[in-house]
């Protein structure tokens, strides 16, 4: 008899349709609201992603999950509200929660302490607290969407139970030690990250969109050409890369796609029709790993006059001697095409922030110039070591792409690519602190849209006090002046824009929220507040109207 191991995860939702993802213990038929789907198998694991169609706009549909005719969700004796699909309704406000960086660890001491108090501490899980708060709130106050902007799982940190399983499975004295090495171990990471009852209920009720970042694959993933060459020489790396691609496709990527996109996806159709699709999916993942191409992970969502573009800023990087770019030209053309049109608001989700603190922006731009050899090869080698040591892998360290996106923002905000949206909000995570900045363009740009950078990180993985001091320094005027001088001396291009800090930096475990209501938009940040289980809550840090 089949059991439900993970899920249900509510993924794509529109006004009339939805998709739901599950993982089961064996091959079976899954049913939700009268819609049925047969599971597919990969590596001895069983999954299904199925669509629910014919729904009404603005509907609220409570649902259960049946496996081979037996109800398996909600679990017997549970005290959580029913899982539900909530379709979008034209003209109604939409709340979108966003953030990144969530380490899977138990929800009791010592893991709920701060890192400064205990080496095992990660403080309170912001998504866990959000779910608990939702169970006490009226459903009209629930967010409609949840954006998970990278580091859904950590191959190199946390997950104590998974590390124990890895030690029991193989010799961790050999590389990569206690980090995951293949598809099987990736499945353990996802199970530990998503199996908590509150997290399962949250994901079953709030539509989630996900995109990966470096810790989903490897710390500093694709930071530079030398990193790529070094990893390519490691015997274990390609097995990790193939397992990471396979698991990301199953657990995260396919749920980002609309039913129409799934219909045209050859890989999905081939896997879906196969009781054991292991070799088919593995061969496809091997081809991507060997060529660094063959898949577009970027995607978009449309929500009643709002377009959200999710940029994969990791897997599509170009790292050649001639060029460093966040994306290859094919992905960039797709982004430009989907950013063109008439929208009330444009959301750009990119895991690594487009705009860092001004000080660190100039420092990363300076480092890239030195890495290119502008001050000679010996300095270039030292610069590469610095880049790797302090994680200079954001947009500022890819100036070709930074300037490309700046030009695109100007075209969108000035009306050259359709009606200017009321706001363009760049949503990011990665940096383990939160802040809100607004952006000023040159006078001749004729911008009609408000442009902001909203960063929320972490959900659960706070910085220690030493790291926080470094971040604060990046926003200071003396550090910014010094870094700007270095960048100019190395010939780094002027950003072409200026940005100022409106809020932050904040270092709690936290959840960001964008509220969209017609042509109005606001951004809010909430932090976790400790207490007894029934008292845990999110407390507002700030809220600002941004249009």
Protein backbone atom coordinates (compact mmCIF):
# COMPACT_ATOMS: atom_id res chain seq x y z
CA UNK A 1 0.00 0.00 0.00
CA UNK A 2 1.44 3.35 -1.10
CA UNK A 3 2.26 6.09 1.41
CA UNK A 4 2.68 9.82 0.79
CA UNK A 5 6.32 10.64 1.62
CA UNK A 6 6.43 14.31 0.60
CA UNK A 7 3.83 16.83 -0.46
CA UNK A 8 1.36 17.72 -1.58
CA UNK A 9 3.12 20.83 -2.89
CA UNK A 10 0.85 23.38 -4.54
CA UNK A 11 2.96 24.73 -7.40
CA UNK A 12 1.58 26.60 -10.40
CA UNK A 13 -1.76 28.37 -9.89
CA UNK A 14 -3.73 30.63 -12.24
CA UNK A 15 -7.35 31.77 -12.35
CA UNK A 16 -8.61 28.39 -13.57
CA UNK A 17 -5.92 25.72 -13.05
CA UNK A 18 -3.26 24.44 -10.68
CA UNK A 19 -0.51 21.82 -10.49
CA UNK A 20 0.30 19.68 -7.45
CA UNK A 21 3.49 17.68 -6.79
CA UNK A 22 3.86 14.58 -4.60
CA UNK A 23 6.38 11.90 -3.74
CA UNK A 24 5.07 8.42 -2.86
CA UNK A 25 6.57 5.25 -1.43
CA UNK A 26 5.75 3.13 -4.51
CA UNK A 27 4.21 3.32 -7.96
CA UNK A 28 0.54 4.26 -7.68
CA UNK A 29 -2.30 6.40 -9.01
CA UNK A 30 -2.69 9.79 -7.33
CA UNK A 31 -6.05 11.58 -7.18
CA UNK A 32 -6.96 15.14 -6.16
CA UNK A 33 -10.39 16.71 -6.74
CA UNK A 34 -11.27 14.00 -9.24
CA UNK A 35 -8.09 14.45 -11.28
CA UNK A 36 -5.79 11.42 -11.55
CA UNK A 37 -2.14 10.92 -12.45
CA UNK A 38 0.16 7.88 -12.48
CA UNK A 39 3.51 8.27 -10.73
CA UNK A 40 6.80 8.09 -12.60
CA UNK A 41 9.95 6.49 -11.16
CA UNK A 42 13.54 7.75 -10.90
CA UNK A 43 16.26 5.95 -8.97
CA UNK A 44 13.77 3.82 -7.04
CA UNK A 45 11.73 6.89 -5.99
CA UNK A 46 8.22 7.73 -7.18
CA UNK A 47 6.76 11.13 -8.08
CA UNK A 48 3.79 12.75 -9.73
CA UNK A 49 3.01 16.26 -10.92
CA UNK A 50 -0.56 16.60 -12.05
CA UNK A 51 -2.87 19.36 -13.09
CA UNK A 52 -6.25 20.35 -11.72
CA UNK A 53 -8.25 22.21 -14.36
CA UNK A 54 -11.68 23.72 -14.80
CA UNK A 55 -11.55 25.82 -11.61
CA UNK A 56 -13.35 29.13 -11.10
CA UNK A 57 -11.51 32.45 -10.65
CA UNK A 58 -11.33 33.49 -7.01
CA UNK A 59 -12.20 29.96 -5.86
CA UNK A 60 -11.23 28.25 -2.60
CA UNK A 61 -10.99 24.49 -3.07
CA UNK A 62 -10.20 22.32 -0.07
CA UNK A 63 -8.67 19.05 -1.19
CA UNK A 64 -7.40 15.67 -0.06
CA UNK A 65 -4.89 13.31 -1.68
CA UNK A 66 -5.75 9.70 -2.45
CA UNK A 67 -3.25 7.01 -3.46
CA UNK A 68 -4.83 4.04 -5.24
CA UNK A 69 -8.17 5.12 -3.80
CA UNK A 70 -6.98 5.41 -0.17
CA UNK A 71 -6.82 8.87 1.45
CA UNK A 72 -3.26 9.73 2.48
CA UNK A 73 -3.57 13.50 3.03
CA UNK A 74 -4.31 15.10 5.38
CA UNK A 75 -2.81 12.64 7.88
CA UNK A 76 -5.20 11.08 10.37
CA UNK A 77 -5.47 12.93 13.66
CA UNK A 78 -3.90 16.15 12.36
CA UNK A 79 -4.96 19.53 13.75
CA UNK A 80 -3.97 21.73 10.80
CA UNK A 81 -6.50 23.51 8.56
CA UNK A 82 -7.48 21.73 5.34
CA UNK A 83 -5.14 22.14 2.39
CA UNK A 84 -6.64 24.32 -0.30
CA UNK A 85 -6.16 25.63 -3.83
CA UNK A 86 -6.92 29.34 -4.06
CA UNK A 87 -7.24 30.54 -7.65
CA UNK A 88 -6.51 34.14 -8.54
CA UNK A 89 -9.30 36.66 -8.88
CA UNK A 90 -8.93 39.69 -11.19
CA UNK A 91 -8.80 42.96 -9.30
CA UNK A 92 -7.98 41.48 -5.88
CA UNK A 93 -4.75 42.32 -4.01
CA UNK A 94 -2.00 39.68 -4.06
CA UNK A 95 0.53 39.04 -1.28
CA UNK A 96 3.80 37.40 -2.36
CA UNK A 97 6.19 36.17 0.31
CA UNK A 98 9.82 35.83 -0.74
CA UNK A 99 13.25 34.97 0.62
CA UNK A 100 16.06 32.42 0.46
CA UNK A 101 18.58 30.34 2.39
CA UNK A 102 16.90 27.80 4.63
CA UNK A 103 18.98 25.19 6.44
CA UNK A 104 17.10 22.04 7.42
CA UNK A 105 17.57 21.44 11.15
CA UNK A 106 15.34 20.43 14.06
CA UNK A 107 12.95 22.98 15.55
CA UNK A 108 14.10 22.59 19.15
CA UNK A 109 17.22 23.53 21.11
CA UNK A 110 20.08 23.76 20.46
CA UNK A 111 19.11 24.43 16.84
CA UNK A 112 16.75 27.29 17.73
CA UNK A 113 19.54 29.23 19.45
CA UNK A 114 21.71 31.79 17.71
CA UNK A 115 25.08 30.80 16.28
CA UNK A 116 26.78 33.03 18.83
CA UNK A 117 25.17 31.04 21.67
CA UNK A 118 25.70 27.56 20.26
CA UNK A 119 27.55 26.20 17.25
CA UNK A 120 24.46 24.20 16.25
CA UNK A 121 22.14 27.21 16.43
CA UNK A 122 20.13 28.50 13.48
CA UNK A 123 17.41 30.35 15.42
CA UNK A 124 13.73 30.00 14.46
CA UNK A 125 12.78 28.85 10.96
CA UNK A 126 10.90 31.80 9.41
CA UNK A 127 8.80 29.54 7.14
CA UNK A 128 7.89 27.33 10.09
CA UNK A 129 6.78 30.42 12.03
CA UNK A 130 4.89 31.78 9.01
CA UNK A 131 2.97 28.51 8.74
CA UNK A 132 2.16 28.51 12.46
CA UNK A 133 0.90 32.09 12.23
CA UNK A 134 -1.25 31.24 9.20
CA UNK A 135 -3.01 28.49 11.14
CA UNK A 136 -4.18 31.18 13.60
CA UNK A 137 -5.13 33.77 10.96
CA UNK A 138 -8.20 34.13 8.78
CA UNK A 139 -7.54 32.68 5.35
CA UNK A 140 -8.04 36.11 3.75
CA UNK A 141 -4.75 37.08 5.44
CA UNK A 142 -2.79 34.18 3.95
CA UNK A 143 -0.24 34.97 1.20
CA UNK A 144 -1.18 33.82 -2.26
CA UNK A 145 2.36 33.06 -3.42
CA UNK A 146 5.69 31.99 -1.93
CA UNK A 147 8.94 32.59 -3.82
CA UNK A 148 11.86 30.40 -2.71
CA UNK A 149 14.87 32.23 -4.14
CA UNK A 150 17.65 29.72 -3.78
CA UNK A 151 19.38 27.42 -1.31
CA UNK A 152 16.31 25.27 -0.68
CA UNK A 153 18.76 22.57 0.34
CA UNK A 154 22.36 22.77 1.49
CA UNK A 155 24.81 20.21 0.16
CA UNK A 156 27.40 21.41 2.66
CA UNK A 157 25.67 22.53 5.87
CA UNK A 158 23.11 21.50 8.45
CA UNK A 159 20.82 18.48 8.06
CA UNK A 160 22.19 16.42 10.98
CA UNK A 161 20.13 13.33 10.20
CA UNK A 162 21.24 13.32 6.58
CA UNK A 163 24.90 13.65 7.57
CA UNK A 164 24.48 10.60 9.80
CA UNK A 165 22.99 8.62 6.89
CA UNK A 166 25.88 9.68 4.66
CA UNK A 167 28.43 8.48 7.23
CA UNK A 168 26.65 5.12 7.41
CA UNK A 169 26.57 4.80 3.61
CA UNK A 170 30.17 5.53 2.58
CA UNK A 171 33.64 6.52 3.74
CA UNK A 172 33.42 10.25 4.49
CA UNK A 173 37.21 10.44 4.85
CA UNK A 174 37.16 10.51 1.05
CA UNK A 175 35.99 13.61 -0.89
CA UNK A 176 33.49 15.18 -0.72
CA UNK A 177 33.27 14.13 2.93
CA UNK A 178 29.82 14.59 4.44
CA UNK A 179 28.54 16.62 1.50
CA UNK A 180 26.06 14.88 -0.81
CA UNK A 181 27.51 13.03 -3.77
CA UNK A 182 24.65 11.68 -5.91
CA UNK A 183 20.92 11.65 -6.65
CA UNK A 184 20.09 9.29 -3.79
CA UNK A 185 21.65 11.57 -1.19
CA UNK A 186 19.91 14.60 -2.73
CA UNK A 187 16.58 12.87 -2.08
CA UNK A 188 17.53 12.71 1.60
CA UNK A 189 18.18 16.47 1.67
CA UNK A 190 14.80 17.29 0.17
CA UNK A 191 12.97 14.93 2.48
CA UNK A 192 14.55 16.46 5.56
CA UNK A 193 13.87 20.00 4.28
CA UNK A 194 10.20 19.40 3.40
CA UNK A 195 8.85 16.65 5.65
CA UNK A 196 7.98 18.74 8.74
CA UNK A 197 4.16 18.74 9.11
CA UNK A 198 3.86 22.55 9.25
CA UNK A 199 6.09 23.03 6.21
CA UNK A 200 4.12 20.37 4.30
CA UNK A 201 0.87 22.16 5.15
CA UNK A 202 2.31 25.55 4.13
CA UNK A 203 3.51 24.21 0.79
CA UNK A 204 0.17 22.44 0.23
CA UNK A 205 -1.78 25.69 0.57
CA UNK A 206 0.45 28.50 -0.79
CA UNK A 207 1.55 28.33 -4.43
CA UNK A 208 5.35 28.05 -4.54
CA UNK A 209 7.87 29.03 -7.21
CA UNK A 210 11.50 28.00 -6.78
CA UNK A 211 14.90 28.69 -8.31
CA UNK A 212 18.27 27.29 -7.31
CA UNK A 213 21.42 28.99 -6.04
CA UNK A 214 24.91 27.79 -5.23
CA UNK A 215 24.27 25.72 -2.09
CA UNK A 216 21.68 23.67 -3.99
CA UNK A 217 24.69 22.41 -5.98
CA UNK A 218 27.99 23.60 -4.42
CA UNK A 219 29.27 26.62 -2.53
CA UNK A 220 30.45 29.24 -5.07
CA UNK A 221 28.91 27.26 -7.93
CA UNK A 222 30.10 28.78 -11.24
CA UNK A 223 31.82 31.74 -9.59
CA UNK A 224 34.62 31.79 -12.19
CA UNK A 225 36.39 29.89 -14.93
CA UNK A 226 39.16 28.70 -12.58
CA UNK A 227 36.55 27.32 -10.16
CA UNK A 228 34.93 25.43 -13.02
CA UNK A 229 38.27 24.01 -14.20
CA UNK A 230 39.20 22.96 -10.66
CA UNK A 231 35.88 21.18 -10.05
CA UNK A 232 36.07 19.49 -13.45
CA UNK A 233 39.21 17.67 -12.28
CA UNK A 234 37.55 16.21 -9.17
CA UNK A 235 36.45 12.61 -9.69
CA UNK A 236 33.28 12.96 -7.60
CA UNK A 237 32.08 16.29 -9.00
CA UNK A 238 30.28 15.09 -12.13
CA UNK A 239 28.26 12.51 -10.19
CA UNK A 240 27.20 15.34 -7.82
CA UNK A 241 26.37 17.62 -10.77
CA UNK A 242 24.24 15.00 -12.51
CA UNK A 243 22.42 14.15 -9.27
CA UNK A 244 21.86 17.84 -8.57
CA UNK A 245 20.40 18.48 -12.03
CA UNK A 246 18.15 15.42 -11.84
CA UNK A 247 16.84 16.26 -8.37
CA UNK A 248 16.37 19.96 -9.16
CA UNK A 249 14.35 19.08 -12.25
CA UNK A 250 12.10 16.73 -10.26
CA UNK A 251 11.72 18.56 -6.96
CA UNK A 252 11.78 22.18 -8.08
CA UNK A 253 11.79 22.94 -11.79
CA UNK A 254 8.84 21.09 -13.31
CA UNK A 255 6.48 22.58 -10.72
CA UNK A 256 7.43 26.07 -11.91
CA UNK A 257 5.93 25.40 -15.33
CA UNK A 258 2.37 26.05 -16.43
CA UNK A 259 0.27 23.19 -17.84
CA UNK A 260 0.76 24.68 -21.31
CA UNK A 261 4.55 24.64 -20.86
CA UNK A 262 4.44 21.09 -19.55
CA UNK A 263 2.58 20.01 -22.68
CA UNK A 264 5.47 21.22 -24.82
CA UNK A 265 8.24 19.84 -22.62
CA UNK A 266 9.79 16.77 -24.27
CA UNK A 267 11.76 15.71 -21.20
CA UNK A 268 8.68 15.88 -18.97
CA UNK A 269 6.58 13.88 -21.41
CA UNK A 270 9.30 11.24 -21.75
CA UNK A 271 9.77 10.89 -17.99
CA UNK A 272 6.06 11.06 -17.18
CA UNK A 273 5.30 8.12 -19.45
CA UNK A 274 8.03 5.91 -17.99
CA UNK A 275 7.59 3.77 -14.85
CA UNK A 276 11.40 3.88 -14.51
CA UNK A 277 12.80 7.00 -16.16
CA UNK A 278 16.15 6.85 -14.36
CA UNK A 279 18.37 6.34 -17.38
CA UNK A 280 16.46 8.76 -19.59
CA UNK A 281 16.72 11.54 -17.02
CA UNK A 282 20.32 10.69 -16.13
CA UNK A 283 21.43 10.77 -19.79
CA UNK A 284 19.75 14.16 -20.21
CA UNK A 285 21.42 15.50 -17.05
CA UNK A 286 24.83 14.17 -18.16
CA UNK A 287 24.49 16.00 -21.46
CA UNK A 288 23.73 19.26 -19.64
CA UNK A 289 26.66 18.78 -17.27
CA UNK A 290 29.10 18.06 -20.08
CA UNK A 291 28.03 20.97 -22.32
CA UNK A 292 26.77 23.49 -19.71
CA UNK A 293 23.76 24.02 -22.00
CA UNK A 294 20.64 22.29 -23.22
CA UNK A 295 18.13 23.58 -20.66
CA UNK A 296 16.59 26.92 -19.77
CA UNK A 297 15.81 27.08 -16.08
CA UNK A 298 14.49 30.66 -16.14
CA UNK A 299 10.69 30.97 -16.19
CA UNK A 300 7.92 33.49 -15.62
CA UNK A 301 4.54 33.76 -13.88
CA UNK A 302 1.64 36.07 -14.79
CA UNK A 303 -0.74 37.19 -12.05
CA UNK A 304 -3.52 39.61 -13.08
CA UNK A 305 -1.48 42.35 -14.74
CA UNK A 306 1.76 41.41 -12.95
CA UNK A 307 4.64 39.55 -14.55
CA UNK A 308 7.25 37.82 -12.42
CA UNK A 309 10.42 36.78 -14.28
CA UNK A 310 12.63 34.27 -12.48
CA UNK A 311 16.20 34.53 -13.73
CA UNK A 312 18.44 31.52 -13.26
CA UNK A 313 21.61 33.40 -12.34
CA UNK A 314 23.74 30.28 -11.69
CA UNK A 315 23.48 27.50 -14.25
CA UNK A 316 23.51 29.61 -17.45
CA UNK A 317 26.68 31.60 -16.69
CA UNK A 318 29.30 32.13 -19.40
CA UNK A 319 32.83 31.76 -17.99
CA UNK A 320 35.27 31.99 -20.89
CA UNK A 321 38.49 33.95 -21.32
CA UNK A 322 36.69 36.28 -23.70
CA UNK A 323 33.57 36.93 -21.62
CA UNK A 324 31.98 36.65 -18.19
CA UNK A 325 28.19 36.80 -18.24
CA UNK A 326 25.30 35.81 -15.98
CA UNK A 327 23.53 34.26 -18.98
CA UNK A 328 24.27 32.98 -22.43
CA UNK A 329 22.66 34.90 -25.28
CA UNK A 330 19.77 32.46 -25.67
CA UNK A 331 18.65 32.92 -22.07
CA UNK A 332 19.17 36.68 -22.26
CA UNK A 333 17.01 36.92 -25.40
CA UNK A 334 14.29 34.99 -23.58
CA UNK A 335 14.49 37.44 -20.64
CA UNK A 336 14.28 40.50 -22.89
CA UNK A 337 11.32 39.04 -24.77
CA UNK A 338 9.38 38.26 -21.58
CA UNK A 339 10.18 41.63 -20.00
CA UNK A 340 8.49 43.39 -22.93
CA UNK A 341 4.77 44.12 -22.65
CA UNK A 342 2.15 46.02 -20.70
CA UNK A 343 2.25 45.22 -16.98
CA UNK A 344 1.04 47.00 -13.87
CA UNK A 345 4.15 45.68 -12.11
CA UNK A 346 7.24 43.77 -13.15
CA UNK A 347 8.93 41.53 -10.60
CA UNK A 348 12.44 40.31 -11.40
CA UNK A 349 13.52 37.43 -9.18
CA UNK A 350 17.25 36.76 -9.22
CA UNK A 351 18.85 34.79 -6.42
CA UNK A 352 21.99 36.95 -6.13
CA UNK A 353 21.18 40.65 -5.63
CA UNK A 354 21.48 42.95 -8.61
CA UNK A 355 22.35 45.82 -6.27
CA UNK A 356 24.58 45.09 -3.29
CA UNK A 357 25.64 47.70 -0.78
CA UNK A 358 27.43 50.40 -2.83
CA UNK A 359 30.75 49.60 -1.17
CA UNK A 360 30.70 45.92 -2.09
CA UNK A 361 29.38 46.69 -5.57
CA UNK A 362 32.48 48.76 -6.35
CA UNK A 363 34.74 46.21 -4.68
CA UNK A 364 33.41 43.34 -6.79
CA UNK A 365 33.65 45.44 -9.97
CA UNK A 366 37.28 46.27 -9.05
CA UNK A 367 38.02 42.60 -8.38
CA UNK A 368 36.63 41.55 -11.77
CA UNK A 369 38.88 44.03 -13.58
CA UNK A 370 41.91 42.75 -11.72
CA UNK A 371 40.91 39.18 -12.48
CA UNK A 372 40.82 40.14 -16.16
CA UNK A 373 44.50 41.07 -15.87
CA UNK A 374 44.30 44.86 -16.07
CA UNK A 375 47.09 45.16 -13.46
CA UNK A 376 49.06 42.15 -14.69
CA UNK A 377 48.92 38.38 -14.35
CA UNK A 378 50.38 38.12 -10.80
CA UNK A 379 47.70 40.51 -9.51
CA UNK A 380 45.08 38.59 -11.50
CA UNK A 381 46.00 35.36 -9.70
CA UNK A 382 45.74 37.07 -6.31
CA UNK A 383 42.43 38.63 -7.36
CA UNK A 384 41.02 35.23 -8.26
CA UNK A 385 41.97 33.90 -4.83
CA UNK A 386 40.22 36.88 -3.24
CA UNK A 387 37.13 36.34 -5.41
CA UNK A 388 36.88 32.73 -4.27
CA UNK A 389 37.67 33.48 -0.62
CA UNK A 390 34.98 36.15 -0.10
CA UNK A 391 32.33 35.03 -2.65
CA UNK A 392 32.51 37.84 -5.22
CA UNK A 393 29.92 36.25 -7.50
CA UNK A 394 27.06 38.77 -7.67
CA UNK A 395 25.93 40.97 -10.57
CA UNK A 396 28.58 43.54 -9.71
CA UNK A 397 31.22 40.89 -10.51
CA UNK A 398 29.63 40.35 -13.94
CA UNK A 399 29.74 43.91 -15.27
CA UNK A 400 28.75 42.93 -18.81
CA UNK A 401 25.47 41.54 -17.48
CA UNK A 402 25.02 44.35 -14.94
CA UNK A 403 25.10 46.98 -17.68
CA UNK A 404 22.86 44.89 -19.93
CA UNK A 405 20.18 44.68 -17.25
CA UNK A 406 20.52 48.40 -16.43
CA UNK A 407 19.83 49.23 -20.08
CA UNK A 408 16.85 46.86 -20.12
CA UNK A 409 15.42 48.46 -16.96
CA UNK A 410 15.71 51.87 -18.61
CA UNK A 411 13.90 50.65 -21.72
CA UNK A 412 11.09 49.10 -19.67
CA UNK A 413 10.70 52.02 -17.25
CA UNK A 414 10.72 54.66 -19.99
CA UNK A 415 8.07 52.97 -22.10
CA UNK A 416 10.25 51.69 -24.94
CA UNK A 417 9.00 48.10 -24.41
CA UNK A 418 5.32 48.73 -23.71
CA UNK A 419 3.38 50.65 -21.10
CA UNK A 420 5.75 51.44 -18.22
CA UNK A 421 4.85 49.42 -15.14
CA UNK A 422 4.08 51.33 -11.95
CA UNK A 423 6.98 49.50 -10.29
CA UNK A 424 9.89 47.27 -11.18
CA UNK A 425 10.91 45.37 -8.05
CA UNK A 426 14.02 43.19 -8.11
CA UNK A 427 13.62 40.39 -5.55
CA UNK A 428 16.74 38.62 -4.30
CA UNK A 429 18.22 36.61 -1.45
CA UNK A 430 21.62 34.89 -1.00
CA UNK A 431 23.44 37.45 1.19
CA UNK A 432 21.96 36.51 4.61
CA UNK A 433 20.66 39.98 5.37
CA UNK A 434 17.67 42.03 4.22
CA UNK A 435 17.42 45.55 2.85
CA UNK A 436 15.37 47.77 0.55
CA UNK A 437 16.92 50.27 -1.88
CA UNK A 438 15.45 52.60 -4.47
CA UNK A 439 17.20 53.36 -7.73
CA UNK A 440 17.82 56.65 -9.55
CA UNK A 441 18.59 56.76 -13.26
CA UNK A 442 20.20 59.49 -15.32
CA UNK A 443 18.01 62.47 -16.19
CA UNK A 444 17.83 61.55 -19.85
CA UNK A 445 16.45 58.11 -19.11
CA UNK A 446 12.89 59.51 -18.74
CA UNK A 447 11.97 56.81 -16.25
CA UNK A 448 8.26 56.56 -15.39
CA UNK A 449 8.50 53.42 -13.20
CA UNK A 450 9.69 53.14 -9.63
CA UNK A 451 12.65 50.75 -9.51
CA UNK A 452 13.64 49.03 -6.26
CA UNK A 453 15.86 46.25 -4.99
CA UNK A 454 14.24 44.18 -2.22
CA UNK A 455 16.46 41.54 -0.60
CA UNK A 456 15.27 39.03 1.98
CA UNK A 457 17.63 36.41 3.38
CA UNK A 458 17.77 34.15 5.31
CA UNK A 459 14.68 32.10 6.03
CA UNK A 460 16.95 30.17 8.38
CA UNK A 461 20.72 30.60 8.39
CA UNK A 462 21.75 33.82 10.18
CA UNK A 463 25.18 35.45 10.10
CA UNK A 464 27.32 35.65 13.20
CA UNK A 465 28.23 39.02 14.71
CA UNK A 466 31.60 39.27 12.94
CA UNK A 467 29.95 38.72 9.56
CA UNK A 468 27.29 41.31 10.36
CA UNK A 469 29.95 43.94 11.04
CA UNK A 470 31.43 43.30 7.60
CA UNK A 471 28.03 43.75 5.95
CA UNK A 472 27.38 47.01 7.80
CA UNK A 473 30.75 48.33 6.66
CA UNK A 474 29.69 47.81 3.05
CA UNK A 475 26.93 50.39 3.49
CA UNK A 476 29.20 52.97 5.16
CA UNK A 477 30.39 56.12 3.35
CA UNK A 478 34.13 55.71 4.06
CA UNK A 479 34.20 52.13 2.77
CA UNK A 480 32.11 53.08 -0.28
CA UNK A 481 34.45 55.98 -1.13
CA UNK A 482 37.51 53.72 -0.86
CA UNK A 483 35.95 50.95 -2.98
CA UNK A 484 34.74 53.45 -5.60
CA UNK A 485 38.27 54.81 -5.88
CA UNK A 486 39.71 51.34 -6.39
CA UNK A 487 37.11 50.54 -9.06
CA UNK A 488 37.86 53.74 -10.96
CA UNK A 489 41.61 53.15 -10.74
CA UNK A 490 41.11 49.71 -12.31
CA UNK A 491 38.92 51.10 -15.09
CA UNK A 492 35.63 49.57 -13.95
CA UNK A 493 32.60 51.08 -15.64
CA UNK A 494 30.43 53.52 -13.73
CA UNK A 495 27.19 51.73 -12.71
CA UNK A 496 25.15 54.32 -14.64
CA UNK A 497 22.64 54.43 -11.78
CA UNK A 498 22.66 55.42 -8.13
CA UNK A 499 20.84 53.68 -5.32
CA UNK A 500 20.17 54.56 -1.70
CA UNK A 501 19.28 52.44 1.27
CA UNK A 502 15.68 52.88 2.39
CA UNK A 503 15.63 50.10 4.99
CA UNK A 504 18.18 47.79 6.58
CA UNK A 505 20.39 45.96 6.73
CA UNK A 506 18.52 43.47 8.96
CA UNK A 507 20.00 40.16 10.06
CA UNK A 508 17.11 38.14 11.52
CA UNK A 509 15.56 34.98 10.15
CA UNK A 510 12.86 36.74 8.14
CA UNK A 511 10.21 36.76 5.44
CA UNK A 512 9.72 39.50 2.85
CA UNK A 513 6.32 40.30 1.35
CA UNK A 514 5.35 42.27 -1.74
CA UNK A 515 1.71 43.40 -1.81
CA UNK A 516 0.31 44.29 -5.24
CA UNK A 517 -3.03 46.05 -5.55
CA UNK A 518 -3.82 47.49 -8.95
CA UNK A 519 -1.06 50.01 -9.71
CA UNK A 520 -0.04 50.22 -6.05
CA UNK A 521 2.72 48.20 -4.44
CA UNK A 522 4.28 47.92 -1.00
CA UNK A 523 7.12 45.90 0.55
CA UNK A 524 7.12 44.53 4.09
CA UNK A 525 9.67 42.61 6.12
CA UNK A 526 8.82 40.41 9.12
CA UNK A 527 11.22 38.77 11.55
CA UNK A 528 10.76 35.74 13.78
CA UNK A 529 9.93 36.27 17.45
CA UNK A 530 10.78 33.53 19.95
CA UNK A 531 8.25 32.08 22.39
CA UNK A 532 6.30 28.95 23.16
CA UNK A 533 5.18 26.97 20.12
CA UNK A 534 1.70 28.51 20.14
CA UNK A 535 3.20 32.00 20.65
CA UNK A 536 5.75 31.98 17.84
CA UNK A 537 4.98 34.77 15.40
CA UNK A 538 6.35 37.12 12.80
CA UNK A 539 6.88 40.72 13.89
CA UNK A 540 6.90 43.57 11.37
CA UNK A 541 10.32 45.14 10.84
CA UNK A 542 9.18 47.70 8.26
CA UNK A 543 6.52 48.33 5.63
CA UNK A 544 6.86 50.82 2.77
CA UNK A 545 4.73 51.82 -0.16
CA UNK A 546 7.01 51.74 -3.21
CA UNK A 547 4.89 53.18 -6.01
